[in-house]
Amino acid sequence: MHRFYVPAVPLNEDFPLPRRDAKKILRVLRLSPGDEILLWDDEGREYRAQITRAEGMSVYVKVLEEQSKEVESPLPLVLVQGIPKGDKFEFIIQKATELGVWRVYPALTERTIVRIPPDRQGSRKERWQSVAREAARQSGRVQVPEIMPVTTLTELVQNIEKDAHRLILWEGEKGTGLKDYLRQNKPTKGSVYLLIGPEGGFSQQEVEFCINNSFTSVTLGPRILRTETAGLVSLSLILYEWGDLGG
């Protein structure tokens, strides 16, 4: 059944869907009054709804029942991603959302090549949030990960909540493997932060700064992975060992 996002779903009356969804229903999906769809809202609830009428390019629906189900990971996992080149960050947001991440920070680091002008950061954030929303819809999630404003690594690290679990992936780490670390430790009650560098990784100074701020440096092994690969592999391992990935 097709799913559509509505920030607030009226329960006792029929109401129009956003125009972009109405156009998709009429022109692409070719649904008609009487057909059923799924709706989900900002509160993490999902509803079965029925199309009641179509007027021009407007489509009206009415809720039949709430059918919320537990699909969100119990692990509040936060990805801090050094902004990569091109459209890689959109790919990372999409796949991280599918895996179950709660929040994503686009971070500026010493080796970040991409520099987004301040006057364009707002529109870029909106675009990234839209990517997360669409990925949440396709993967059956009811919570959309929050895409945070662009921030420097230093500012972010200094403002992380005190009870958070902190991990930084670094190819220069020789002793602590992520797999062994996860199996030998348990997450705290707070969020779990994972730091991933951009192309070129983190500098030695950045890693030392993070370690001095209670981060643990971990490695994925002897092979160096691309930034878009390293983050998703790490998220998968964390959600498998500490979350609900794998059933």
C-alpha atoms as a PDB file:
ATOM      1  CA  MET A   1       0.000   0.000   0.000  1.00  0.00           C
ATOM      2  CA  HIS A   2       1.318   3.461  -0.886  1.00  0.00           C
ATOM      3  CA  ARG A   3       2.502   5.672   2.010  1.00  0.00           C
ATOM      4  CA  PHE A   4       2.322   9.452   2.278  1.00  0.00           C
ATOM      5  CA  TYR A   5       3.679  11.851   4.874  1.00  0.00           C
ATOM      6  CA  VAL A   6       1.336  14.407   6.452  1.00  0.00           C
ATOM      7  CA  PRO A   7       2.753  16.486   9.362  1.00  0.00           C
ATOM      8  CA  ALA A   8      -0.575  16.460  11.279  1.00  0.00           C
ATOM      9  CA  VAL A   9      -3.357  14.026  10.360  1.00  0.00           C
ATOM     10  CA  PRO A  10      -6.977  15.112  11.094  1.00  0.00           C
ATOM     11  CA  LEU A  11      -8.901  12.148  12.472  1.00  0.00           C
ATOM     12  CA  ASN A  12     -12.592  13.059  12.191  1.00  0.00           C
ATOM     13  CA  GLU A  13     -12.936  14.652   8.751  1.00  0.00           C
ATOM     14  CA  ASP A  14     -11.743  14.265   5.221  1.00  0.00           C
ATOM     15  CA  PHE A  15      -8.935  16.618   4.222  1.00  0.00           C
ATOM     16  CA  PRO A  16      -6.801  17.415   1.175  1.00  0.00           C
ATOM     17  CA  LEU A  17      -3.362  15.891   0.726  1.00  0.00           C
ATOM     18  CA  PRO A  18      -0.399  18.091  -0.224  1.00  0.00           C
ATOM     19  CA  ARG A  19      -0.501  18.998  -3.911  1.00  0.00           C
ATOM     20  CA  ARG A  20       2.648  17.031  -4.784  1.00  0.00           C
ATOM     21  CA  ASP A  21       1.079  13.860  -3.349  1.00  0.00           C
ATOM     22  CA  ALA A  22      -2.239  14.535  -5.061  1.00  0.00           C
ATOM     23  CA  LYS A  23      -0.492  14.826  -8.428  1.00  0.00           C
ATOM     24  CA  LYS A  24       1.320  11.548  -7.823  1.00  0.00           C
ATOM     25  CA  ILE A  25      -1.902   9.793  -6.832  1.00  0.00           C
ATOM     26  CA  LEU A  26      -3.802  11.039  -9.886  1.00  0.00           C
ATOM     27  CA  ARG A  27      -1.156  11.058 -12.611  1.00  0.00           C
ATOM     28  CA  VAL A  28       1.296   8.332 -11.602  1.00  0.00           C
ATOM     29  CA  LEU A  29      -0.494   5.857  -9.353  1.00  0.00           C
ATOM     30  CA  ARG A  30      -3.918   6.507 -10.929  1.00  0.00           C
ATOM     31  CA  LEU A  31      -5.774   5.858  -7.691  1.00  0.00           C
ATOM     32  CA  SER A  32      -9.472   6.690  -7.385  1.00  0.00           C
ATOM     33  CA  PRO A  33     -12.044   7.410  -4.638  1.00  0.00           C
ATOM     34  CA  GLY A  34     -12.485   4.268  -2.587  1.00  0.00           C
ATOM     35  CA  ASP A  35      -8.820   3.229  -2.856  1.00  0.00           C
ATOM     36  CA  GLU A  36      -6.847   2.989   0.380  1.00  0.00           C
ATOM     37  CA  ILE A  37      -3.456   4.464   1.264  1.00  0.00           C
ATOM     38  CA  LEU A  38      -1.266   4.785   4.352  1.00  0.00           C
ATOM     39  CA  LEU A  39      -0.487   8.079   6.105  1.00  0.00           C
ATOM     40  CA  TRP A  40       2.162   8.847   8.710  1.00  0.00           C
ATOM     41  CA  ASP A  41       2.759  11.975  10.746  1.00  0.00           C
ATOM     42  CA  ASP A  42       5.269  13.899  12.853  1.00  0.00           C
ATOM     43  CA  GLU A  43       4.191  12.021  15.985  1.00  0.00           C
ATOM     44  CA  GLY A  44       5.358   8.693  14.583  1.00  0.00           C
ATOM     45  CA  ARG A  45       1.846   7.348  14.005  1.00  0.00           C
ATOM     46  CA  GLU A  46       0.628   5.501  10.931  1.00  0.00           C
ATOM     47  CA  TYR A  47      -2.949   5.386   9.646  1.00  0.00           C
ATOM     48  CA  ARG A  48      -4.959   3.489   7.091  1.00  0.00           C
ATOM     49  CA  ALA A  49      -6.941   6.021   5.064  1.00  0.00           C
ATOM     50  CA  GLN A  50      -9.334   6.043   2.126  1.00  0.00           C
ATOM     51  CA  ILE A  51      -9.548   8.437  -0.794  1.00  0.00           C
ATOM     52  CA  THR A  52     -12.976  10.076  -0.528  1.00  0.00           C
ATOM     53  CA  ARG A  53     -12.990  12.411  -3.521  1.00  0.00           C
ATOM     54  CA  ALA A  54     -10.905  14.088  -6.181  1.00  0.00           C
ATOM     55  CA  GLU A  55     -11.626  17.638  -7.285  1.00  0.00           C
ATOM     56  CA  GLY A  56      -9.437  18.900 -10.095  1.00  0.00           C
ATOM     57  CA  MET A  57      -5.886  18.289  -8.872  1.00  0.00           C
ATOM     58  CA  SER A  58      -6.970  17.997  -5.210  1.00  0.00           C
ATOM     59  CA  VAL A  59      -7.312  14.629  -3.496  1.00  0.00           C
ATOM     60  CA  TYR A  60      -9.240  14.264  -0.229  1.00  0.00           C
ATOM     61  CA  VAL A  61      -8.812  11.382   2.202  1.00  0.00           C
ATOM     62  CA  LYS A  62     -10.295  10.246   5.500  1.00  0.00           C
ATOM     63  CA  VAL A  63      -8.659   8.165   8.226  1.00  0.00           C
ATOM     64  CA  LEU A  64     -10.148   4.711   8.720  1.00  0.00           C
ATOM     65  CA  GLU A  65      -7.961   3.527  11.597  1.00  0.00           C
ATOM     66  CA  GLU A  66      -4.632   3.952  13.287  1.00  0.00           C
ATOM     67  CA  GLN A  67      -2.304   1.031  12.706  1.00  0.00           C
ATOM     68  CA  SER A  68       0.962   2.172  14.226  1.00  0.00           C
ATOM     69  CA  LYS A  69       3.589  -0.516  14.657  1.00  0.00           C
ATOM     70  CA  GLU A  70       6.996  -0.664  16.320  1.00  0.00           C
ATOM     71  CA  VAL A  71       9.488  -0.107  13.534  1.00  0.00           C
ATOM     72  CA  GLU A  72      11.994   2.301  15.068  1.00  0.00           C
ATOM     73  CA  SER A  73      15.305   1.132  16.476  1.00  0.00           C
ATOM     74  CA  PRO A  74      15.561   1.345  20.269  1.00  0.00           C
ATOM     75  CA  LEU A  75      19.129   2.605  19.841  1.00  0.00           C
ATOM     76  CA  PRO A  76      19.370   6.420  19.446  1.00  0.00           C
ATOM     77  CA  LEU A  77      22.213   6.356  16.934  1.00  0.00           C
ATOM     78  CA  VAL A  78      23.633   9.653  15.664  1.00  0.00           C
ATOM     79  CA  LEU A  79      25.855   9.887  12.581  1.00  0.00           C
ATOM     80  CA  VAL A  80      28.369  12.727  12.378  1.00  0.00           C
ATOM     81  CA  GLN A  81      29.563  12.745   8.774  1.00  0.00           C
ATOM     82  CA  GLY A  82      32.366  14.858   7.375  1.00  0.00           C
ATOM     83  CA  ILE A  83      30.736  16.426   4.333  1.00  0.00           C
ATOM     84  CA  PRO A  84      31.907  14.539   1.204  1.00  0.00           C
ATOM     85  CA  LYS A  85      32.095  15.723  -2.380  1.00  0.00           C
ATOM     86  CA  GLY A  86      29.318  15.585  -4.951  1.00  0.00           C
ATOM     87  CA  ASP A  87      26.039  13.898  -4.101  1.00  0.00           C
ATOM     88  CA  LYS A  88      27.588  11.340  -1.739  1.00  0.00           C
ATOM     89  CA  PHE A  89      26.040  12.969   1.312  1.00  0.00           C
ATOM     90  CA  GLU A  90      22.528  12.484  -0.054  1.00  0.00           C
ATOM     91  CA  PHE A  91      23.339   8.812  -0.633  1.00  0.00           C
ATOM     92  CA  ILE A  92      24.646   8.510   2.943  1.00  0.00           C
ATOM     93  CA  ILE A  93      21.518  10.175   4.366  1.00  0.00           C
ATOM     94  CA  GLN A  94      19.276   7.888   2.355  1.00  0.00           C
ATOM     95  CA  LYS A  95      20.971   4.659   3.427  1.00  0.00           C
ATOM     96  CA  ALA A  96      21.510   5.747   7.041  1.00  0.00           C
ATOM     97  CA  THR A  97      17.785   6.481   7.250  1.00  0.00           C
ATOM     98  CA  GLU A  98      16.954   3.028   5.918  1.00  0.00           C
ATOM     99  CA  LEU A  99      19.215   1.462   8.542  1.00  0.00           C
ATOM    100  CA  GLY A 100      17.516   3.325  11.398  1.00  0.00           C
ATOM    101  CA  VAL A 101      19.738   6.267  12.356  1.00  0.00           C
ATOM    102  CA  TRP A 102      18.034   8.937  14.493  1.00  0.00           C
ATOM    103  CA  ARG A 103      19.997  12.067  13.555  1.00  0.00           C
ATOM    104  CA  VAL A 104      22.668  13.170  11.072  1.00  0.00           C
ATOM    105  CA  TYR A 105      25.191  16.002  11.479  1.00  0.00           C
ATOM    106  CA  PRO A 106      26.981  17.388   8.392  1.00  0.00           C
ATOM    107  CA  ALA A 107      30.399  18.278   9.819  1.00  0.00           C
ATOM    108  CA  LEU A 108      33.173  20.583   8.636  1.00  0.00           C
ATOM    109  CA  THR A 109      36.609  19.103   9.322  1.00  0.00           C
ATOM    110  CA  GLU A 110      40.200  19.972   8.433  1.00  0.00           C
ATOM    111  CA  ARG A 111      40.052  17.840   5.286  1.00  0.00           C
ATOM    112  CA  THR A 112      36.545  18.749   4.168  1.00  0.00           C
ATOM    113  CA  ILE A 113      36.805  19.879   0.555  1.00  0.00           C
ATOM    114  CA  VAL A 114      33.213  21.040   0.135  1.00  0.00           C
ATOM    115  CA  ARG A 115      32.509  24.481   1.590  1.00  0.00           C
ATOM    116  CA  ILE A 116      28.861  25.498   1.479  1.00  0.00           C
ATOM    117  CA  PRO A 117      28.338  29.294   1.544  1.00  0.00           C
ATOM    118  CA  PRO A 118      26.327  30.396   4.608  1.00  0.00           C
ATOM    119  CA  ASP A 119      23.517  31.786   2.439  1.00  0.00           C
ATOM    120  CA  ARG A 120      23.039  28.357   0.816  1.00  0.00           C
ATOM    121  CA  GLN A 121      23.212  26.189   3.929  1.00  0.00           C
ATOM    122  CA  GLY A 122      19.509  26.610   4.712  1.00  0.00           C
ATOM    123  CA  SER A 123      18.340  25.411   1.308  1.00  0.00           C
ATOM    124  CA  ARG A 124      20.865  22.580   1.334  1.00  0.00           C
ATOM    125  CA  LYS A 125      19.596  21.448   4.741  1.00  0.00           C
ATOM    126  CA  GLU A 126      16.019  21.462   3.426  1.00  0.00           C
ATOM    127  CA  ARG A 127      17.114  19.309   0.507  1.00  0.00           C
ATOM    128  CA  TRP A 128      18.885  16.851   2.801  1.00  0.00           C
ATOM    129  CA  GLN A 129      15.831  16.691   5.087  1.00  0.00           C
ATOM    130  CA  SER A 130      13.660  15.928   2.074  1.00  0.00           C
ATOM    131  CA  VAL A 131      15.966  13.045   1.150  1.00  0.00           C
ATOM    132  CA  ALA A 132      15.648  11.665   4.689  1.00  0.00           C
ATOM    133  CA  ARG A 133      11.851  11.998   4.599  1.00  0.00           C
ATOM    134  CA  GLU A 134      11.569  10.128   1.304  1.00  0.00           C
ATOM    135  CA  ALA A 135      13.908   7.384   2.534  1.00  0.00           C
ATOM    136  CA  ALA A 136      11.838   7.040   5.702  1.00  0.00           C
ATOM    137  CA  ARG A 137       8.677   6.704   3.614  1.00  0.00           C
ATOM    138  CA  GLN A 138      10.163   4.025   1.380  1.00  0.00           C
ATOM    139  CA  SER A 139      11.623   2.020   4.254  1.00  0.00           C
ATOM    140  CA  GLY A 140       8.441   2.015   6.332  1.00  0.00           C
ATOM    141  CA  ARG A 141       9.751   4.208   9.129  1.00  0.00           C
ATOM    142  CA  VAL A 142       7.472   6.514  11.095  1.00  0.00           C
ATOM    143  CA  GLN A 143      10.204   8.823  12.403  1.00  0.00           C
ATOM    144  CA  VAL A 144      12.235  10.956  10.027  1.00  0.00           C
ATOM    145  CA  PRO A 145      15.876  11.401  11.095  1.00  0.00           C
ATOM    146  CA  GLU A 146      16.657  15.017  11.875  1.00  0.00           C
ATOM    147  CA  ILE A 147      19.289  16.537   9.591  1.00  0.00           C
ATOM    148  CA  MET A 148      21.148  19.101  11.657  1.00  0.00           C
ATOM    149  CA  PRO A 149      22.685  22.390  10.461  1.00  0.00           C
ATOM    150  CA  VAL A 150      26.228  22.367   9.104  1.00  0.00           C
ATOM    151  CA  THR A 151      28.651  22.659  12.026  1.00  0.00           C
ATOM    152  CA  THR A 152      32.350  22.377  12.752  1.00  0.00           C
ATOM    153  CA  LEU A 153      33.691  19.197  14.300  1.00  0.00           C
ATOM    154  CA  THR A 154      35.106  21.159  17.240  1.00  0.00           C
ATOM    155  CA  GLU A 155      31.808  22.842  18.079  1.00  0.00           C
ATOM    156  CA  LEU A 156      29.864  19.614  17.776  1.00  0.00           C
ATOM    157  CA  VAL A 157      32.207  17.552  19.954  1.00  0.00           C
ATOM    158  CA  GLN A 158      32.201  20.188  22.683  1.00  0.00           C
ATOM    159  CA  ASN A 159      28.394  20.251  22.840  1.00  0.00           C
ATOM    160  CA  ILE A 160      27.509  16.550  22.868  1.00  0.00           C
ATOM    161  CA  GLU A 161      25.336  15.526  25.810  1.00  0.00           C
ATOM    162  CA  LYS A 162      27.315  14.137  28.739  1.00  0.00           C
ATOM    163  CA  ASP A 163      25.723  10.674  28.841  1.00  0.00           C
ATOM    164  CA  ALA A 164      26.347   9.939  25.144  1.00  0.00           C
ATOM    165  CA  HIS A 165      28.440   6.994  23.953  1.00  0.00           C
ATOM    166  CA  ARG A 166      31.185   8.299  21.635  1.00  0.00           C
ATOM    167  CA  LEU A 167      32.996   6.525  18.797  1.00  0.00           C
ATOM    168  CA  ILE A 168      35.293   7.879  16.090  1.00  0.00           C
ATOM    169  CA  LEU A 169      36.249   5.733  13.119  1.00  0.00           C
ATOM    170  CA  TRP A 170      39.908   6.206  12.210  1.00  0.00           C
ATOM    171  CA  GLU A 171      42.036   4.274   9.749  1.00  0.00           C
ATOM    172  CA  GLY A 172      45.115   4.994  11.869  1.00  0.00           C
ATOM    173  CA  GLU A 173      43.775   3.056  14.859  1.00  0.00           C
ATOM    174  CA  LYS A 174      45.885  -0.089  15.351  1.00  0.00           C
ATOM    175  CA  GLY A 175      44.458  -1.637  18.483  1.00  0.00           C
ATOM    176  CA  THR A 176      40.671  -1.383  18.856  1.00  0.00           C
ATOM    177  CA  GLY A 177      38.462  -2.991  16.232  1.00  0.00           C
ATOM    178  CA  LEU A 178      34.855  -1.851  16.087  1.00  0.00           C
ATOM    179  CA  LYS A 179      33.470  -5.396  16.152  1.00  0.00           C
ATOM    180  CA  ASP A 180      35.390  -6.399  19.274  1.00  0.00           C
ATOM    181  CA  TYR A 181      34.632  -3.079  20.968  1.00  0.00           C
ATOM    182  CA  LEU A 182      30.895  -3.494  20.447  1.00  0.00           C
ATOM    183  CA  ARG A 183      30.922  -7.038  21.782  1.00  0.00           C
ATOM    184  CA  GLN A 184      32.958  -6.114  24.839  1.00  0.00           C
ATOM    185  CA  ASN A 185      30.904  -3.046  25.786  1.00  0.00           C
ATOM    186  CA  LYS A 186      27.271  -2.103  26.179  1.00  0.00           C
ATOM    187  CA  PRO A 187      25.693   1.216  25.179  1.00  0.00           C
ATOM    188  CA  THR A 188      24.736   3.732  27.827  1.00  0.00           C
ATOM    189  CA  LYS A 189      21.181   5.004  28.152  1.00  0.00           C
ATOM    190  CA  GLY A 190      22.046   8.068  26.071  1.00  0.00           C
ATOM    191  CA  SER A 191      22.658   8.507  22.373  1.00  0.00           C
ATOM    192  CA  VAL A 192      25.466   6.761  20.490  1.00  0.00           C
ATOM    193  CA  TYR A 193      27.553   9.145  18.372  1.00  0.00           C
ATOM    194  CA  LEU A 194      29.586   7.839  15.434  1.00  0.00           C
ATOM    195  CA  LEU A 195      32.114  10.173  13.773  1.00  0.00           C
ATOM    196  CA  ILE A 196      33.091   9.522  10.146  1.00  0.00           C
ATOM    197  CA  GLY A 197      35.643  11.656   8.309  1.00  0.00           C
ATOM    198  CA  PRO A 198      35.329  13.026   4.756  1.00  0.00           C
ATOM    199  CA  GLU A 199      37.584  11.972   1.881  1.00  0.00           C
ATOM    200  CA  GLY A 200      41.041  11.826   3.423  1.00  0.00           C
ATOM    201  CA  GLY A 201      39.717  10.983   6.873  1.00  0.00           C
ATOM    202  CA  PHE A 202      40.430  12.838  10.106  1.00  0.00           C
ATOM    203  CA  SER A 203      43.734  14.496  10.900  1.00  0.00           C
ATOM    204  CA  GLN A 204      45.861  13.278  13.801  1.00  0.00           C
ATOM    205  CA  GLN A 205      45.023  16.478  15.674  1.00  0.00           C
ATOM    206  CA  GLU A 206      41.277  15.949  15.232  1.00  0.00           C
ATOM    207  CA  VAL A 207      41.468  12.377  16.483  1.00  0.00           C
ATOM    208  CA  GLU A 208      43.472  13.438  19.544  1.00  0.00           C
ATOM    209  CA  PHE A 209      40.966  16.231  20.214  1.00  0.00           C
ATOM    210  CA  CYS A 210      38.068  13.766  20.084  1.00  0.00           C
ATOM    211  CA  ILE A 211      39.855  11.254  22.312  1.00  0.00           C
ATOM    212  CA  ASN A 212      40.496  14.037  24.815  1.00  0.00           C
ATOM    213  CA  ASN A 213      36.746  14.627  24.768  1.00  0.00           C
ATOM    214  CA  SER A 214      35.866  11.041  25.740  1.00  0.00           C
ATOM    215  CA  PHE A 215      35.692   9.484  22.262  1.00  0.00           C
ATOM    216  CA  THR A 216      37.003   5.987  21.601  1.00  0.00           C
ATOM    217  CA  SER A 217      38.971   5.495  18.387  1.00  0.00           C
ATOM    218  CA  VAL A 218      38.032   2.313  16.481  1.00  0.00           C
ATOM    219  CA  THR A 219      38.917   0.698  13.146  1.00  0.00           C
ATOM    220  CA  LEU A 220      37.109  -1.525  10.646  1.00  0.00           C
ATOM    221  CA  GLY A 221      40.236  -3.489   9.801  1.00  0.00           C
ATOM    222  CA  PRO A 222      43.230  -3.396   7.445  1.00  0.00           C
ATOM    223  CA  ARG A 223      41.426  -2.085   4.342  1.00  0.00           C
ATOM    224  CA  ILE A 224      40.614   1.592   3.892  1.00  0.00           C
ATOM    225  CA  LEU A 225      36.986   2.168   2.909  1.00  0.00           C
ATOM    226  CA  ARG A 226      35.531   5.179   1.141  1.00  0.00           C
ATOM    227  CA  THR A 227      33.738   7.645   3.387  1.00  0.00           C
ATOM    228  CA  GLU A 228      30.297   6.639   2.082  1.00  0.00           C
ATOM    229  CA  THR A 229      31.126   2.956   2.655  1.00  0.00           C
ATOM    230  CA  ALA A 230      32.806   3.272   6.051  1.00  0.00           C
ATOM    231  CA  GLY A 231      29.898   5.064   7.677  1.00  0.00           C
ATOM    232  CA  LEU A 232      27.231   2.666   6.468  1.00  0.00           C
ATOM    233  CA  VAL A 233      29.267  -0.419   7.402  1.00  0.00           C
ATOM    234  CA  SER A 234      29.876   1.013  10.875  1.00  0.00           C
ATOM    235  CA  LEU A 235      26.216   1.926  11.360  1.00  0.00           C
ATOM    236  CA  SER A 236      25.227  -1.600  10.338  1.00  0.00           C
ATOM    237  CA  LEU A 237      27.616  -3.195  12.831  1.00  0.00           C
ATOM    238  CA  ILE A 238      26.464  -0.947  15.673  1.00  0.00           C
ATOM    239  CA  LEU A 239      22.774  -1.528  14.939  1.00  0.00           C
ATOM    240  CA  TYR A 240      23.385  -5.269  14.647  1.00  0.00           C
ATOM    241  CA  GLU A 241      25.247  -5.584  17.947  1.00  0.00           C
ATOM    242  CA  TRP A 242      23.462  -2.897  19.985  1.00  0.00           C
ATOM    243  CA  GLY A 243      20.203  -2.284  18.132  1.00  0.00           C
ATOM    244  CA  ASP A 244      17.579  -4.297  16.288  1.00  0.00           C
ATOM    245  CA  LEU A 245      19.189  -4.889  12.884  1.00  0.00           C
ATOM    246  CA  GLY A 246      18.964  -8.556  11.978  1.00  0.00           C
ATOM    247  CA  GLY A 247      15.693  -9.163  13.807  1.00  0.00           C
END
